[in-house]
Amino acid sequence: MPSPPLPLPTAHILRLRPLVFLILLASLVGCGSQEGISRYSVPKEENTPVAPARDDVSAFDAVNAMAWFFKLTGSQDAVADVESQFTSLMESVEMSSGEPTWTLPEGWSSEPASGMRFATLTVDGTDPPLEVSVIKLPMSGDDRSEYMKQNIDRWRRQLGLAPMEDGDWLSAAQEQNELRTLTANGQEITVVDLNGKTDEIDDARMLGAIILPKALSAAPATRSTARATQPPSSGPTSSSALAFETPEGWETGKASTMRVASFAVTEGDQSLDISAMMAGGDELSNVNRWRGQVGLDNITQEQLDASAKQLNVDGTTGRLFNLVGEEQTIVAVMVPQGGQSWFFKMMGDPALAERELENFEAFVTSVKLP
């Protein structure tokens, strides 16, 4: 005879018996010794970049170690009027966040980033307007002195001045009052003061400031030298950052903090300088800067796109720009990688550049990117 059905509450309890058992077991374990239980305080996750190991110096430098450049150019009288304000500006700079912050002098205004510029600081009421450009460039090596000299020489060329002589160039610049160092908020700043001439200003003066990254101060001094060493023969060649084939007849030059590879081509009194480096900035800003260097007018983005030639560089599309001036030609290829770009540039005599264009393209397309 079948058993009578259980009352509803009793049946419900039996169905829940496994669950009750688990709850009781958990309670018994919780009442036992606490020695096996550890408490962990889990910090809130932050989007903080992790610095790579120091044996990967080249990758660290190219991505994280940025140098900052402040530059003011105008007539000597106009710059003299705001020299103390420029110094006050630089003394206010702080680098605690990895990017500079500052206090604007009274009567100055700031414009947002544009092209290569991180910011543009304008001295209000000046005509023509005086501006301080703020840009950043990657420091891809650890030879701080050479990097500093190359960038000061870059500014000197903009003023029609010859590069500084090698050797104790630092002492020579200090003796000529062209360079001094100030310390602001624990950060060393190199202030550069140059007089020269530009196409627009016959009595030009430039005040500049350079802030090098602290991250490189502990890097081994021998590492950049090893990276700069290249065999002086044609055929497959490599550096710690690039692998490539060197065209016949190209002389291997000395690599440096800025340059991963360097070459020279000479025929009689004609010469070319060829370089490979990583830097920042958008295409249009860089191309217009190069056009200015060879005496050409600026162009628009539409004109840029129409003049560009595409090259396949290790599976990445680069764009070649052939800028021919009356006295000088610049042929440049930009290949984007990791938020920066590889720059391959040939600069020199127009006739020789035309003859070497095929070799230059072959060199660039042979590159194996890191």
Protein backbone atom coordinates (compact mmCIF):
# COMPACT_ATOMS: atom_id res chain seq x y z
CA MET A 1 0.00 0.00 0.00
CA PRO A 2 1.61 3.34 -0.99
CA SER A 3 2.80 5.69 1.70
CA PRO A 4 0.60 8.71 2.25
CA PRO A 5 2.05 11.93 0.89
CA LEU A 6 4.11 14.00 3.27
CA PRO A 7 2.75 17.29 4.42
CA LEU A 8 3.93 20.15 2.24
CA PRO A 9 6.31 21.77 4.78
CA THR A 10 8.07 18.44 5.46
CA ALA A 11 8.57 17.71 1.75
CA HIS A 12 9.93 21.19 1.26
CA ILE A 13 12.49 20.70 4.03
CA LEU A 14 13.72 17.41 2.60
CA ARG A 15 14.24 18.98 -0.80
CA LEU A 16 16.31 21.70 0.84
CA ARG A 17 18.32 19.23 2.97
CA PRO A 18 21.49 19.29 0.75
CA LEU A 19 21.53 23.07 0.80
CA VAL A 20 21.05 23.19 4.57
CA PHE A 21 23.90 20.71 4.98
CA LEU A 22 26.25 22.92 2.95
CA ILE A 23 25.29 25.99 4.95
CA LEU A 24 25.91 24.17 8.24
CA LEU A 25 29.26 22.87 7.00
CA ALA A 26 30.37 26.37 6.00
CA SER A 27 29.35 27.64 9.42
CA LEU A 28 31.38 24.96 11.19
CA VAL A 29 34.46 25.75 9.12
CA GLY A 30 34.03 29.44 9.80
CA CYS A 31 33.93 28.80 13.53
CA GLY A 32 37.21 26.93 13.51
CA SER A 33 40.75 28.24 13.81
CA GLN A 34 41.50 31.47 11.89
CA GLU A 35 45.14 30.63 11.32
CA GLY A 36 44.53 29.39 7.73
CA ILE A 37 42.70 32.54 6.68
CA SER A 38 44.62 35.50 5.26
CA ARG A 39 43.21 38.92 4.55
CA TYR A 40 44.44 40.89 1.51
CA SER A 41 43.97 44.54 0.81
CA VAL A 42 43.61 44.87 -2.98
CA PRO A 43 44.49 48.35 -4.19
CA LYS A 44 42.37 50.04 -6.82
CA GLU A 45 43.76 49.33 -10.27
CA GLU A 46 45.36 52.36 -11.87
CA ASN A 47 46.36 52.93 -15.47
CA THR A 48 50.01 53.38 -14.57
CA PRO A 49 52.60 52.33 -17.16
CA VAL A 50 55.16 49.83 -15.98
CA ALA A 51 58.74 50.72 -16.84
CA PRO A 52 60.46 47.97 -18.85
CA ALA A 53 63.60 46.26 -17.64
CA ARG A 54 66.68 48.42 -18.12
CA ASP A 55 68.27 45.92 -20.50
CA ASP A 56 65.70 47.08 -23.08
CA VAL A 57 67.08 50.60 -23.19
CA SER A 58 66.29 51.32 -26.82
CA ALA A 59 62.61 50.41 -26.48
CA PHE A 60 62.34 52.34 -23.23
CA ASP A 61 63.99 55.44 -24.70
CA ALA A 62 61.97 55.56 -27.88
CA VAL A 63 58.61 55.33 -26.14
CA ASN A 64 59.00 56.82 -22.67
CA ALA A 65 62.12 59.03 -22.46
CA MET A 66 60.99 62.31 -23.95
CA ALA A 67 63.01 65.51 -24.07
CA TRP A 68 61.12 68.81 -23.88
CA PHE A 69 61.97 71.95 -25.85
CA PHE A 70 60.77 75.52 -25.26
CA LYS A 71 61.69 78.10 -27.93
CA LEU A 72 61.07 81.84 -28.32
CA THR A 73 62.32 83.69 -31.42
CA GLY A 74 61.96 87.35 -32.34
CA SER A 75 63.93 90.54 -32.89
CA GLN A 76 66.69 91.18 -30.37
CA ASP A 77 64.83 94.15 -28.86
CA ALA A 78 61.52 92.31 -28.59
CA VAL A 79 63.09 89.23 -26.97
CA ALA A 80 65.08 91.41 -24.56
CA ASP A 81 61.81 92.96 -23.36
CA VAL A 82 60.42 89.57 -22.29
CA GLU A 83 63.67 87.81 -21.28
CA SER A 84 62.92 88.04 -17.56
CA GLN A 85 59.41 86.68 -18.16
CA PHE A 86 60.81 83.74 -20.15
CA THR A 87 63.17 82.98 -17.26
CA SER A 88 60.26 83.21 -14.80
CA LEU A 89 58.29 80.81 -16.97
CA MET A 90 61.07 78.24 -16.99
CA GLU A 91 61.63 78.57 -13.24
CA SER A 92 57.96 77.66 -12.73
CA VAL A 93 58.12 74.43 -14.77
CA GLU A 94 57.30 71.19 -12.95
CA MET A 95 57.72 67.69 -14.40
CA SER A 96 56.10 65.62 -11.64
CA SER A 97 53.44 64.19 -13.99
CA GLY A 98 55.86 63.33 -16.79
CA GLU A 99 54.64 66.31 -18.80
CA PRO A 100 55.54 69.91 -18.02
CA THR A 101 53.21 72.25 -16.17
CA TRP A 102 53.99 75.91 -15.62
CA THR A 103 52.70 79.26 -14.45
CA LEU A 104 52.13 81.76 -17.25
CA PRO A 105 53.66 85.21 -16.77
CA GLU A 106 51.15 88.05 -16.51
CA GLY A 107 49.92 89.08 -19.94
CA TRP A 108 50.68 85.71 -21.56
CA SER A 109 48.13 83.25 -22.92
CA SER A 110 48.23 79.58 -23.86
CA GLU A 111 46.89 77.79 -26.93
CA PRO A 112 46.18 74.02 -27.06
CA ALA A 113 48.29 71.43 -28.79
CA SER A 114 48.58 71.63 -32.56
CA GLY A 115 50.65 69.50 -34.94
CA MET A 116 54.05 68.86 -33.36
CA ARG A 117 53.42 71.40 -30.61
CA PHE A 118 52.43 70.32 -27.14
CA ALA A 119 51.43 73.95 -26.52
CA THR A 120 51.95 77.48 -27.84
CA LEU A 121 52.45 80.27 -25.31
CA THR A 122 51.81 83.78 -26.66
CA VAL A 123 52.98 87.12 -25.30
CA ASP A 124 49.79 89.16 -25.63
CA GLY A 125 49.94 92.56 -27.31
CA THR A 126 53.17 91.95 -29.28
CA ASP A 127 53.30 92.69 -33.02
CA PRO A 128 54.46 90.55 -34.67
CA PRO A 129 53.33 88.15 -31.95
CA LEU A 130 56.02 86.55 -29.79
CA GLU A 131 55.41 82.86 -29.20
CA VAL A 132 57.01 80.15 -27.12
CA SER A 133 56.63 76.78 -28.81
CA VAL A 134 56.63 73.70 -26.56
CA ILE A 135 57.43 70.37 -28.24
CA LYS A 136 58.68 66.96 -27.16
CA LEU A 137 61.04 64.61 -28.97
CA PRO A 138 62.13 61.08 -28.06
CA MET A 139 65.62 60.66 -26.66
CA SER A 140 66.63 57.31 -28.15
CA GLY A 141 70.03 56.95 -26.53
CA ASP A 142 71.96 57.76 -23.38
CA ASP A 143 74.66 60.15 -24.63
CA ARG A 144 73.12 63.25 -23.09
CA SER A 145 75.90 65.61 -24.13
CA GLU A 146 75.74 64.60 -27.80
CA TYR A 147 71.94 64.82 -27.82
CA MET A 148 72.10 68.30 -26.32
CA LYS A 149 74.70 69.47 -28.86
CA GLN A 150 72.72 68.14 -31.83
CA ASN A 151 69.61 70.02 -30.80
CA ILE A 152 71.45 73.25 -30.05
CA ASP A 153 73.13 72.94 -33.47
CA ARG A 154 69.65 72.48 -34.96
CA TRP A 155 68.62 75.80 -33.45
CA ARG A 156 71.86 77.41 -34.59
CA ARG A 157 71.15 76.41 -38.20
CA GLN A 158 67.74 78.05 -37.94
CA LEU A 159 69.56 81.31 -37.15
CA GLY A 160 72.15 80.90 -39.89
CA LEU A 161 74.89 79.95 -37.42
CA ALA A 162 77.52 77.25 -37.91
CA PRO A 163 77.42 74.14 -35.69
CA MET A 164 79.53 74.19 -32.55
CA GLU A 165 82.94 72.60 -32.81
CA ASP A 166 83.40 69.19 -31.26
CA GLY A 167 85.46 68.87 -28.11
CA ASP A 168 84.63 70.94 -25.06
CA TRP A 169 81.71 72.64 -26.77
CA LEU A 170 79.86 73.04 -23.47
CA SER A 171 82.53 75.25 -21.89
CA ALA A 172 82.84 77.25 -25.11
CA ALA A 173 79.09 77.91 -25.18
CA GLN A 174 79.08 78.96 -21.53
CA GLU A 175 82.02 81.32 -22.07
CA GLN A 176 80.13 82.98 -24.93
CA ASN A 177 77.02 83.34 -22.72
CA GLU A 178 75.06 81.14 -25.11
CA LEU A 179 74.23 78.51 -22.51
CA ARG A 180 73.42 78.37 -18.81
CA THR A 181 71.78 75.92 -16.45
CA LEU A 182 69.05 76.57 -13.93
CA THR A 183 67.33 74.22 -11.50
CA ALA A 184 63.58 74.53 -11.05
CA ASN A 185 61.52 72.30 -8.76
CA GLY A 186 64.29 69.69 -8.70
CA GLN A 187 64.52 69.63 -12.50
CA GLU A 188 67.68 70.72 -14.38
CA ILE A 189 66.92 73.02 -17.33
CA THR A 190 69.44 74.11 -19.96
CA VAL A 191 68.74 77.64 -21.23
CA VAL A 192 70.13 78.56 -24.66
CA ASP A 193 70.58 82.17 -25.86
CA LEU A 194 71.51 82.69 -29.53
CA ASN A 195 71.74 85.70 -31.85
CA GLY A 196 71.60 85.36 -35.61
CA LYS A 197 69.46 85.95 -38.67
CA THR A 198 66.36 84.37 -40.20
CA ASP A 199 64.57 84.97 -43.49
CA GLU A 200 62.12 87.26 -41.69
CA ILE A 201 64.33 88.87 -39.02
CA ASP A 202 67.78 90.36 -39.68
CA ASP A 203 68.59 90.82 -35.97
CA ALA A 204 67.04 87.63 -34.61
CA ARG A 205 67.43 86.33 -31.09
CA MET A 206 66.34 82.93 -29.80
CA LEU A 207 65.77 81.94 -26.20
CA GLY A 208 65.43 78.20 -25.79
CA ALA A 209 65.19 75.72 -22.95
CA ILE A 210 65.85 71.98 -22.98
CA ILE A 211 64.68 69.51 -20.33
CA LEU A 212 66.19 66.05 -20.67
CA PRO A 213 64.49 63.01 -19.13
CA LYS A 214 65.80 61.89 -15.76
CA ALA A 215 65.09 58.26 -16.71
CA LEU A 216 68.32 57.97 -18.68
CA SER A 217 70.69 59.24 -16.05
CA ALA A 218 71.44 55.74 -14.76
CA ALA A 219 71.77 54.06 -18.16
CA PRO A 220 75.13 52.50 -18.99
CA ALA A 221 77.36 54.93 -20.87
CA THR A 222 78.64 52.23 -23.20
CA ARG A 223 75.25 51.25 -24.59
CA SER A 224 74.87 54.09 -27.11
CA THR A 225 78.38 53.48 -28.42
CA ALA A 226 77.58 49.84 -29.05
CA ARG A 227 74.38 50.78 -30.81
CA ALA A 228 76.20 53.24 -33.06
CA THR A 229 78.75 50.75 -34.35
CA GLN A 230 78.01 49.55 -37.88
CA PRO A 231 80.12 47.67 -40.41
CA PRO A 232 81.32 49.96 -43.23
CA SER A 233 80.35 47.59 -46.04
CA SER A 234 77.36 47.15 -48.28
CA GLY A 235 74.90 44.30 -47.83
CA PRO A 236 72.80 43.26 -44.83
CA THR A 237 73.47 45.43 -41.78
CA SER A 238 71.78 45.85 -38.44
CA SER A 239 71.66 47.99 -35.34
CA SER A 240 69.93 47.15 -32.08
CA ALA A 241 66.82 48.85 -33.46
CA LEU A 242 66.83 48.21 -37.22
CA ALA A 243 68.07 45.74 -39.79
CA PHE A 244 68.67 46.91 -43.36
CA GLU A 245 70.77 46.60 -46.50
CA THR A 246 73.29 49.33 -47.25
CA PRO A 247 73.49 50.35 -50.93
CA GLU A 248 76.85 50.12 -52.63
CA GLY A 249 78.82 53.34 -52.47
CA TRP A 250 77.23 54.59 -49.26
CA GLU A 251 79.71 55.39 -46.50
CA THR A 252 78.54 54.35 -43.07
CA GLY A 253 78.64 57.29 -40.71
CA LYS A 254 78.55 57.47 -36.96
CA ALA A 255 75.19 56.85 -35.34
CA SER A 256 74.30 59.06 -32.40
CA THR A 257 71.65 59.68 -29.77
CA MET A 258 69.17 60.87 -32.38
CA ARG A 259 70.30 58.69 -35.31
CA VAL A 260 69.96 54.94 -35.32
CA ALA A 261 71.81 54.82 -38.65
CA SER A 262 73.79 57.39 -40.64
CA PHE A 263 75.32 57.42 -44.13
CA ALA A 264 77.07 59.79 -46.53
CA VAL A 265 77.32 59.83 -50.32
CA THR A 266 79.91 62.04 -52.01
CA GLU A 267 80.65 62.73 -55.67
CA GLY A 268 83.13 65.55 -56.24
CA ASP A 269 81.74 68.63 -54.54
CA GLN A 270 78.26 67.10 -54.26
CA SER A 271 77.20 65.31 -51.08
CA LEU A 272 74.22 63.72 -49.38
CA ASP A 273 73.48 63.01 -45.73
CA ILE A 274 71.21 60.03 -45.03
CA SER A 275 69.76 59.19 -41.63
CA ALA A 276 67.29 56.91 -39.84
CA MET A 277 65.70 57.90 -36.54
CA MET A 278 62.48 57.74 -34.55
CA ALA A 279 60.60 60.94 -33.74
CA GLY A 280 57.13 62.40 -33.32
CA GLY A 281 54.83 64.79 -35.12
CA ASP A 282 52.24 64.52 -37.86
CA GLU A 283 53.11 64.24 -41.55
CA LEU A 284 51.93 67.68 -42.63
CA SER A 285 53.86 69.55 -39.92
CA ASN A 286 57.06 67.65 -40.64
CA VAL A 287 56.79 67.97 -44.43
CA ASN A 288 56.12 71.71 -44.23
CA ARG A 289 59.12 72.10 -41.90
CA TRP A 290 61.31 70.24 -44.42
CA ARG A 291 59.88 72.31 -47.28
CA GLY A 292 60.90 75.44 -45.43
CA GLN A 293 64.44 74.08 -45.06
CA VAL A 294 64.79 73.76 -48.86
CA GLY A 295 63.07 77.06 -49.65
CA LEU A 296 59.60 75.77 -50.58
CA ASP A 297 56.23 77.12 -49.44
CA ASN A 298 53.90 75.24 -47.13
CA ILE A 299 51.26 72.95 -48.63
CA THR A 300 47.84 71.71 -47.55
CA GLN A 301 46.87 68.21 -46.47
CA GLU A 302 45.20 67.66 -49.85
CA GLN A 303 48.38 68.65 -51.69
CA LEU A 304 50.41 66.45 -49.34
CA ASP A 305 48.28 63.40 -50.09
CA ALA A 306 48.56 64.03 -53.82
CA SER A 307 52.37 64.26 -53.72
CA ALA A 308 53.06 61.27 -51.44
CA LYS A 309 54.38 57.96 -52.73
CA GLN A 310 53.61 54.79 -50.79
CA LEU A 311 56.36 52.34 -49.85
CA ASN A 312 56.04 48.95 -48.17
CA VAL A 313 58.46 48.87 -45.25
CA ASP A 314 58.45 45.48 -43.52
CA GLY A 315 54.69 45.11 -43.98
CA THR A 316 53.91 48.67 -42.88
CA THR A 317 52.91 51.39 -45.33
CA GLY A 318 55.24 54.36 -45.32
CA ARG A 319 54.94 57.53 -47.37
CA LEU A 320 57.79 59.11 -49.34
CA PHE A 321 58.04 62.86 -49.97
CA ASN A 322 60.50 64.24 -52.54
CA LEU A 323 61.10 67.94 -51.80
CA VAL A 324 63.34 69.53 -54.42
CA GLY A 325 64.67 73.03 -53.78
CA GLU A 326 67.05 75.17 -55.82
CA GLU A 327 70.09 74.43 -53.68
CA GLN A 328 69.03 71.43 -51.64
CA THR A 329 66.73 68.43 -51.80
CA ILE A 330 65.14 66.46 -48.96
CA VAL A 331 63.72 63.01 -49.66
CA ALA A 332 61.97 61.64 -46.59
CA VAL A 333 59.96 58.56 -45.71
CA MET A 334 57.74 58.39 -42.60
CA VAL A 335 56.73 54.96 -41.29
CA PRO A 336 54.33 54.96 -38.29
CA GLN A 337 55.07 52.62 -35.40
CA GLY A 338 53.86 52.63 -31.79
CA GLY A 339 52.59 56.21 -31.62
CA GLN A 340 55.82 57.57 -33.13
CA SER A 341 57.26 57.33 -36.64
CA TRP A 342 60.46 56.10 -38.19
CA PHE A 343 62.04 58.86 -40.28
CA PHE A 344 64.35 57.95 -43.16
CA LYS A 345 65.78 61.11 -44.72
CA MET A 346 68.21 61.94 -47.52
CA MET A 347 69.33 65.56 -47.71
CA GLY A 348 71.81 67.34 -49.95
CA ASP A 349 72.65 68.27 -53.53
CA PRO A 350 69.55 68.07 -55.80
CA ALA A 351 71.33 66.44 -58.75
CA LEU A 352 73.00 63.79 -56.58
CA ALA A 353 69.76 63.18 -54.69
CA GLU A 354 68.00 62.48 -57.99
CA ARG A 355 70.68 59.96 -58.97
CA GLU A 356 70.55 58.25 -55.55
CA LEU A 357 66.76 58.17 -55.27
CA GLU A 358 66.52 54.55 -56.42
CA ASN A 359 69.19 53.46 -53.92
CA PHE A 360 67.42 55.39 -51.17
CA GLU A 361 64.12 53.65 -51.87
CA ALA A 362 65.88 50.28 -51.96
CA PHE A 363 67.48 51.04 -48.57
CA VAL A 364 64.17 52.02 -46.96
CA THR A 365 62.24 49.02 -48.33
CA SER A 366 64.98 46.67 -47.08
CA VAL A 367 64.46 47.80 -43.48
CA LYS A 368 63.22 45.29 -40.91
CA LEU A 369 61.46 47.17 -38.13
CA PRO A 370 62.00 46.20 -34.47
